[in-house]
Protein backbone atom coordinates (compact mmCIF):
# COMPACT_ATOMS: atom_id res chain seq x y z
CA MET A 1 -10.38 42.72 64.14
CA SER A 2 -11.42 44.69 67.18
CA SER A 3 -13.13 48.04 66.80
CA ARG A 4 -13.67 48.84 70.46
CA PHE A 5 -11.20 51.75 70.46
CA GLY A 6 -11.76 54.96 68.54
CA VAL A 7 -9.21 57.62 67.60
CA LEU A 8 -9.73 61.14 66.24
CA THR A 9 -7.25 63.14 64.20
CA LEU A 10 -7.47 66.21 61.98
CA GLY A 11 -5.39 67.77 59.25
CA ASP A 12 -4.80 68.41 55.58
CA ALA A 13 -4.53 65.66 52.99
CA MET A 14 -2.88 65.85 49.61
CA ILE A 15 -2.56 64.19 46.29
CA THR A 16 0.97 62.85 46.28
CA LEU A 17 2.80 62.49 42.97
CA ASN A 18 5.31 59.67 43.32
CA PRO A 19 8.25 59.62 40.89
CA ALA A 20 8.52 56.78 38.43
CA GLN A 21 12.27 56.65 39.06
CA THR A 22 14.70 57.47 41.82
CA GLY A 23 16.99 60.47 41.79
CA PRO A 24 16.72 64.27 41.73
CA LEU A 25 13.22 65.46 40.85
CA ARG A 26 14.45 67.62 37.98
CA PHE A 27 15.31 64.45 36.04
CA VAL A 28 11.96 62.74 36.65
CA SER A 29 9.28 63.11 33.97
CA GLN A 30 6.65 60.58 35.05
CA PHE A 31 4.69 60.33 38.30
CA GLU A 32 2.07 58.08 39.84
CA ARG A 33 -0.87 59.63 41.67
CA LYS A 34 -1.28 58.62 45.30
CA VAL A 35 -2.95 59.99 48.44
CA GLY A 36 -0.94 61.33 51.38
CA GLY A 37 -0.92 63.51 54.47
CA ALA A 38 0.47 62.78 57.93
CA GLU A 39 -2.82 62.76 59.81
CA LEU A 40 -4.66 60.80 57.15
CA ASN A 41 -1.80 58.28 57.07
CA PHE A 42 -2.20 57.90 60.82
CA ALA A 43 -5.96 57.39 60.49
CA ILE A 44 -5.50 54.77 57.77
CA GLY A 45 -2.83 53.04 59.85
CA CYS A 46 -5.20 52.85 62.80
CA ALA A 47 -8.06 51.58 60.63
CA ARG A 48 -5.91 48.81 59.17
CA LEU A 49 -4.98 47.76 62.69
CA GLY A 50 -8.69 47.38 63.48
CA MET A 51 -9.41 50.59 65.35
CA ARG A 52 -12.18 53.05 64.61
CA ALA A 53 -10.47 56.04 63.01
CA LYS A 54 -12.16 59.40 62.50
CA TRP A 55 -10.48 62.05 60.34
CA LEU A 56 -11.59 65.68 60.43
CA SER A 57 -10.67 67.77 57.40
CA ARG A 58 -11.68 69.88 54.42
CA LEU A 59 -11.17 68.97 50.77
CA GLY A 60 -11.37 70.95 47.58
CA LYS A 61 -14.59 70.37 45.67
CA ASP A 62 -12.65 69.02 42.73
CA GLU A 63 -11.60 65.70 41.24
CA PHE A 64 -8.58 65.36 43.50
CA GLY A 65 -10.73 66.02 46.55
CA ARG A 66 -13.04 63.21 45.48
CA VAL A 67 -10.08 60.89 45.02
CA ILE A 68 -8.94 61.50 48.61
CA TYR A 69 -12.46 61.19 50.04
CA ASN A 70 -13.22 57.93 48.28
CA PHE A 71 -9.81 56.47 49.07
CA ALA A 72 -10.05 57.24 52.80
CA ARG A 73 -13.63 56.01 53.02
CA GLY A 74 -12.57 52.81 51.25
CA GLU A 75 -9.94 52.28 53.93
CA GLY A 76 -12.64 52.40 56.60
CA VAL A 77 -11.88 55.90 57.90
CA ASP A 78 -14.87 57.76 59.38
CA MET A 79 -15.43 60.71 57.02
CA CYS A 80 -18.54 62.21 58.61
CA ASP A 81 -16.65 65.39 59.56
CA VAL A 82 -14.95 65.93 56.20
CA ALA A 83 -16.52 68.54 53.91
CA TYR A 84 -15.89 69.74 50.35
CA VAL A 85 -15.07 73.44 49.87
CA GLU A 86 -15.61 75.52 46.74
CA GLY A 87 -12.78 77.71 45.49
CA TYR A 88 -9.96 76.01 47.41
CA PRO A 89 -7.93 73.49 45.37
CA THR A 90 -6.98 70.20 46.94
CA SER A 91 -3.34 70.27 48.05
CA LEU A 92 -0.58 68.55 46.09
CA ASN A 93 2.94 67.38 46.79
CA PHE A 94 5.68 65.85 44.68
CA LYS A 95 8.05 63.31 46.21
CA GLU A 96 11.71 62.81 45.39
CA ILE A 97 13.09 59.39 46.29
CA ARG A 98 16.79 58.57 46.42
CA GLU A 99 18.40 55.18 45.91
CA ASP A 100 18.64 54.48 49.65
CA GLY A 101 14.92 55.09 50.19
CA SER A 102 15.35 58.58 51.67
CA GLY A 103 13.50 61.44 50.05
CA LYS A 104 12.30 65.01 49.93
CA THR A 105 8.81 66.45 49.55
CA PHE A 106 7.85 69.53 47.56
CA TYR A 107 4.53 71.05 48.66
CA TYR A 108 1.91 72.92 46.62
CA ARG A 109 -0.72 73.70 49.20
CA TYR A 110 -1.37 77.43 48.82
CA GLN A 111 -5.03 78.17 49.67
CA SER A 112 -5.48 74.71 51.11
CA PRO A 113 -9.11 73.78 51.85
CA ILE A 114 -8.13 73.19 55.49
CA LEU A 115 -7.84 76.98 55.82
CA THR A 116 -11.64 77.16 55.93
CA LEU A 117 -11.78 75.14 59.15
CA GLU A 118 -12.51 77.36 62.16
CA PRO A 119 -12.26 76.73 65.93
CA GLU A 120 -16.04 76.91 66.24
CA ASP A 121 -16.32 73.98 63.81
CA ILE A 122 -14.92 71.72 66.53
CA THR A 123 -17.86 70.40 68.54
CA GLU A 124 -18.24 67.96 71.40
CA ARG A 125 -20.24 65.63 69.17
CA MET A 126 -17.07 64.80 67.25
CA PHE A 127 -15.58 63.24 70.39
CA GLU A 128 -18.32 60.68 70.99
CA ASN A 129 -16.87 57.16 71.33
CA ILE A 130 -13.34 58.52 70.96
CA ASP A 131 -10.61 57.06 73.19
CA LEU A 132 -7.63 59.11 72.00
CA VAL A 133 -6.98 62.30 70.03
CA HIS A 134 -3.90 62.58 67.81
CA LEU A 135 -2.47 65.87 66.55
CA THR A 136 0.61 66.73 64.50
CA GLY A 137 2.78 69.73 63.82
CA VAL A 138 1.96 69.63 60.12
CA PHE A 139 -1.54 70.93 60.76
CA LEU A 140 -0.17 73.63 63.07
CA ALA A 141 2.38 74.77 60.48
CA ILE A 142 -0.10 75.36 57.66
CA ASN A 143 -1.66 78.48 59.19
CA PRO A 144 -1.34 80.32 62.55
CA LYS A 145 -5.10 79.99 63.02
CA ASN A 146 -4.74 76.25 63.33
CA VAL A 147 -3.13 76.67 66.75
CA SER A 148 -6.48 77.91 68.08
CA ILE A 149 -8.20 74.92 66.50
CA ALA A 150 -5.72 72.52 68.12
CA LYS A 151 -6.25 74.20 71.49
CA ARG A 152 -10.00 73.81 71.08
CA VAL A 153 -9.53 70.10 70.34
CA ILE A 154 -7.28 69.66 73.36
CA GLU A 155 -9.71 71.58 75.57
CA ILE A 156 -12.61 69.29 74.72
CA ALA A 157 -10.42 66.18 75.01
CA LYS A 158 -9.31 67.20 78.49
CA GLN A 159 -12.91 67.91 79.54
CA LYS A 160 -13.81 64.39 78.46
CA ASP A 161 -10.67 62.83 79.98
CA ILE A 162 -9.47 61.69 76.55
CA PRO A 163 -5.67 61.34 76.25
CA VAL A 164 -3.90 63.40 73.59
CA SER A 165 -0.93 62.23 71.54
CA PHE A 166 1.20 64.57 69.46
CA ASP A 167 3.81 64.14 66.73
CA PRO A 168 5.80 67.33 66.01
CA ASN A 169 6.29 66.17 62.41
CA ILE A 170 8.38 69.28 61.77
CA ARG A 171 8.04 70.77 58.28
CA LEU A 172 10.60 73.55 57.96
CA LYS A 173 9.29 74.32 54.47
CA LEU A 174 6.07 75.50 56.13
CA TRP A 175 7.46 77.45 59.10
CA THR A 176 10.70 78.18 60.94
CA ILE A 177 12.02 76.18 63.85
CA GLU A 178 11.59 79.26 66.05
CA GLU A 179 7.90 79.46 65.14
CA ALA A 180 7.51 75.74 65.75
CA ARG A 181 9.19 75.88 69.17
CA ALA A 182 6.97 78.75 70.31
CA VAL A 183 3.78 76.90 69.37
CA TYR A 184 4.94 73.57 70.76
CA ALA A 185 5.81 75.24 74.07
CA GLU A 186 2.16 76.27 74.38
CA LEU A 187 0.86 72.76 73.71
CA PHE A 188 3.37 70.40 75.31
CA PRO A 189 2.02 70.79 78.87
CA TYR A 190 -1.31 69.37 77.66
CA ILE A 191 0.14 66.41 75.71
CA ASP A 192 -0.01 62.97 77.28
CA ILE A 193 1.99 61.06 74.66
CA LEU A 194 4.70 62.78 72.62
CA LEU A 195 5.82 60.75 69.60
CA THR A 196 8.88 62.40 68.10
CA GLY A 197 11.87 61.60 65.96
CA LEU A 198 15.30 61.92 67.55
CA ASP A 199 16.25 64.58 65.01
CA GLU A 200 13.04 66.49 65.78
CA ILE A 201 13.48 66.53 69.54
CA ARG A 202 17.05 67.67 68.98
CA LEU A 203 15.73 70.66 67.01
CA ILE A 204 13.07 71.40 69.61
CA ASN A 205 15.08 70.83 72.76
CA GLY A 206 18.53 71.87 71.54
CA VAL A 207 20.11 68.71 72.96
CA ASP A 208 19.12 65.05 72.96
CA SER A 209 20.90 63.46 75.92
CA GLU A 210 18.67 61.26 78.04
CA GLU A 211 19.16 63.54 81.01
CA SER A 212 18.00 66.59 79.04
CA LEU A 213 15.03 64.68 77.65
CA GLU A 214 14.03 63.60 81.13
CA LYS A 215 14.05 67.22 82.27
CA PHE A 216 12.08 68.22 79.18
CA ALA A 217 9.41 65.57 79.79
CA ASN A 218 9.14 66.35 83.50
CA LEU A 219 8.99 70.11 82.91
CA ASN A 220 6.11 69.71 80.45
CA ASN A 221 4.36 66.97 82.44
CA ILE A 222 4.49 64.61 79.45
CA ASP A 223 3.49 61.16 80.64
CA GLN A 224 5.08 59.21 77.77
CA LEU A 225 7.98 60.59 75.73
CA VAL A 226 8.51 58.27 72.77
CA ILE A 227 11.64 58.74 70.66
CA LYS A 228 11.69 57.31 67.12
CA ASP A 229 15.18 56.68 65.72
CA GLY A 230 14.65 54.77 62.49
CA ALA A 231 17.03 51.85 62.01
CA ASN A 232 18.29 52.36 65.57
CA GLY A 233 14.91 51.48 67.03
CA SER A 234 12.93 53.47 69.58
CA LYS A 235 12.87 54.33 73.25
CA LEU A 236 10.38 55.62 75.79
CA TYR A 237 10.71 57.67 78.95
CA THR A 238 7.89 57.33 81.48
CA ASN A 239 7.60 57.21 85.27
CA GLY A 240 11.28 58.09 85.68
CA ARG A 241 12.58 55.21 83.58
CA TRP A 242 13.81 54.57 80.04
CA TYR A 243 12.69 51.61 77.93
CA LYS A 244 14.39 50.71 74.63
CA LYS A 245 13.63 48.40 71.74
CA GLU A 246 15.79 47.64 68.72
CA ALA A 247 14.55 48.05 65.16
CA PHE A 248 13.60 45.17 62.90
CA PRO A 249 15.93 44.52 59.95
CA VAL A 250 14.33 45.36 56.62
CA ILE A 251 15.47 46.58 53.22
CA PRO A 252 13.83 50.03 52.91
CA VAL A 253 12.61 51.38 49.60
CA ASP A 254 10.67 54.44 50.82
CA THR A 255 10.83 55.87 54.33
CA VAL A 256 7.97 58.37 53.89
CA GLY A 257 5.07 57.52 56.17
CA ALA A 258 7.08 55.26 58.47
CA GLY A 259 6.75 57.71 61.36
CA ASP A 260 2.99 57.93 60.89
CA GLY A 261 2.82 54.14 60.89
CA PHE A 262 4.91 53.97 64.04
CA ASP A 263 2.49 56.39 65.71
CA ALA A 264 -0.50 54.24 64.77
CA GLY A 265 1.28 51.14 66.03
CA TYR A 266 2.20 52.72 69.34
CA ILE A 267 -1.33 54.03 69.91
CA TYR A 268 -2.70 50.58 69.11
CA GLY A 269 -0.43 49.08 71.76
CA TYR A 270 -1.26 51.81 74.27
CA LEU A 271 -5.03 51.49 73.90
CA HIS A 272 -4.96 47.70 73.90
CA GLY A 273 -2.94 47.52 77.09
CA LEU A 274 0.29 46.07 75.72
CA SER A 275 3.31 46.32 77.99
CA ILE A 276 5.73 49.15 77.27
CA GLU A 277 8.24 46.80 75.61
CA GLU A 278 5.45 45.25 73.54
CA ARG A 279 4.21 48.69 72.46
CA LEU A 280 7.64 49.71 71.24
CA ALA A 281 8.19 46.42 69.43
CA PHE A 282 4.76 46.61 67.80
CA ALA A 283 5.33 50.22 66.71
CA ASN A 284 8.81 49.39 65.40
CA GLY A 285 7.29 46.57 63.40
CA VAL A 286 4.66 48.79 61.80
CA GLY A 287 7.23 51.44 60.94
CA ALA A 288 9.58 48.86 59.45
CA LEU A 289 6.88 47.35 57.24
CA VAL A 290 5.91 50.78 55.90
CA THR A 291 9.45 51.35 54.59
CA THR A 292 9.30 48.22 52.44
CA VAL A 293 6.60 49.60 50.14
CA LEU A 294 6.60 52.67 47.89
CA GLY A 295 4.02 55.30 48.88
CA ASP A 296 2.90 57.28 51.90
CA ASN A 297 0.39 54.73 53.21
CA GLU A 298 0.45 51.75 50.86
CA GLY A 299 2.78 49.92 53.23
CA LEU A 300 0.69 50.46 56.36
CA PRO A 301 0.10 46.88 57.50
CA TYR A 302 -2.95 45.04 58.72
CA LEU A 303 -2.96 43.69 62.26
CA GLU A 304 -2.16 40.09 61.40
CA GLU A 305 0.76 41.20 59.22
CA VAL A 306 2.33 43.04 62.12
CA TRP A 307 2.00 40.17 64.56
CA ASN A 308 3.39 37.69 62.04
CA PHE A 309 6.31 39.98 61.28
CA ILE A 310 7.37 40.86 64.82
CA GLN A 311 7.00 37.29 66.04
CA ASP A 312 9.03 35.81 63.18
CA GLU A 313 11.63 38.62 63.20
CA VAL A 314 12.71 37.88 59.65
CA VAL A 315 14.33 40.09 57.06
CA ILE A 316 11.69 40.77 54.43
CA GLU A 317 11.68 42.02 50.89
CA ARG A 318 8.34 43.03 49.46
């Protein structure tokens, strides 16, 4: 697999407790320990597709922090800018999974180790051999200070002519939609690739008609507006034109992490020069495969798996 392209992302990671059975969490008594977090999922997805993935974060100096560190390193993620922090427990979340694969997440991330990260910790050295920077709204929602950190990241990326992708990844359990809109409005003009769910852009923009989305993208100078719509596929607005690609048919068992996988797939296609239709198909394929496996990142596929899947276009059960 090729490693000529490098991506950088930053954010919190968590120990995810997956339920041993489907249904409301109050009836679940057994859980399986996993590792999760939107930005880490993205980094792992990129690494499995053969890219060099660097993740910047802070972990509690505890057993759970070591679990996350060792797991990410084992997946080939560059951990040179991840540090352990005393006195800040590694974040946790509990997942609830329904029969149709949909779910909810319950967060326990008070005093997250990522709170110790400061804007001055972001240095130009971190951007060496990096071809794209990826940010998400989860990191921004954890603490207001993180907005300054994201701006610092974007500032250095722009100085080095590195494109920036962004996934709003709205978490209304962490902040209000009004707070999210205000922060996004500050950042959108500096985002090259916006990767958002249809439901998210509806919350952000108020409406989701193609005409309104075109105005939104043009107003914010967003080069590529990518809309993820689950089983309905995805579409992209760029250079005054819409491109659309249908979803691949799968039997989902867990939809968590599918958006992160889609992001990794799209960035792979973008960096490797795939055509717009090929990018969307590749990203749809990654997202579809993620939904067929329980866990936040267990279903993130390797490169050959994606190509085999999207070329065969078969219904899979795994």
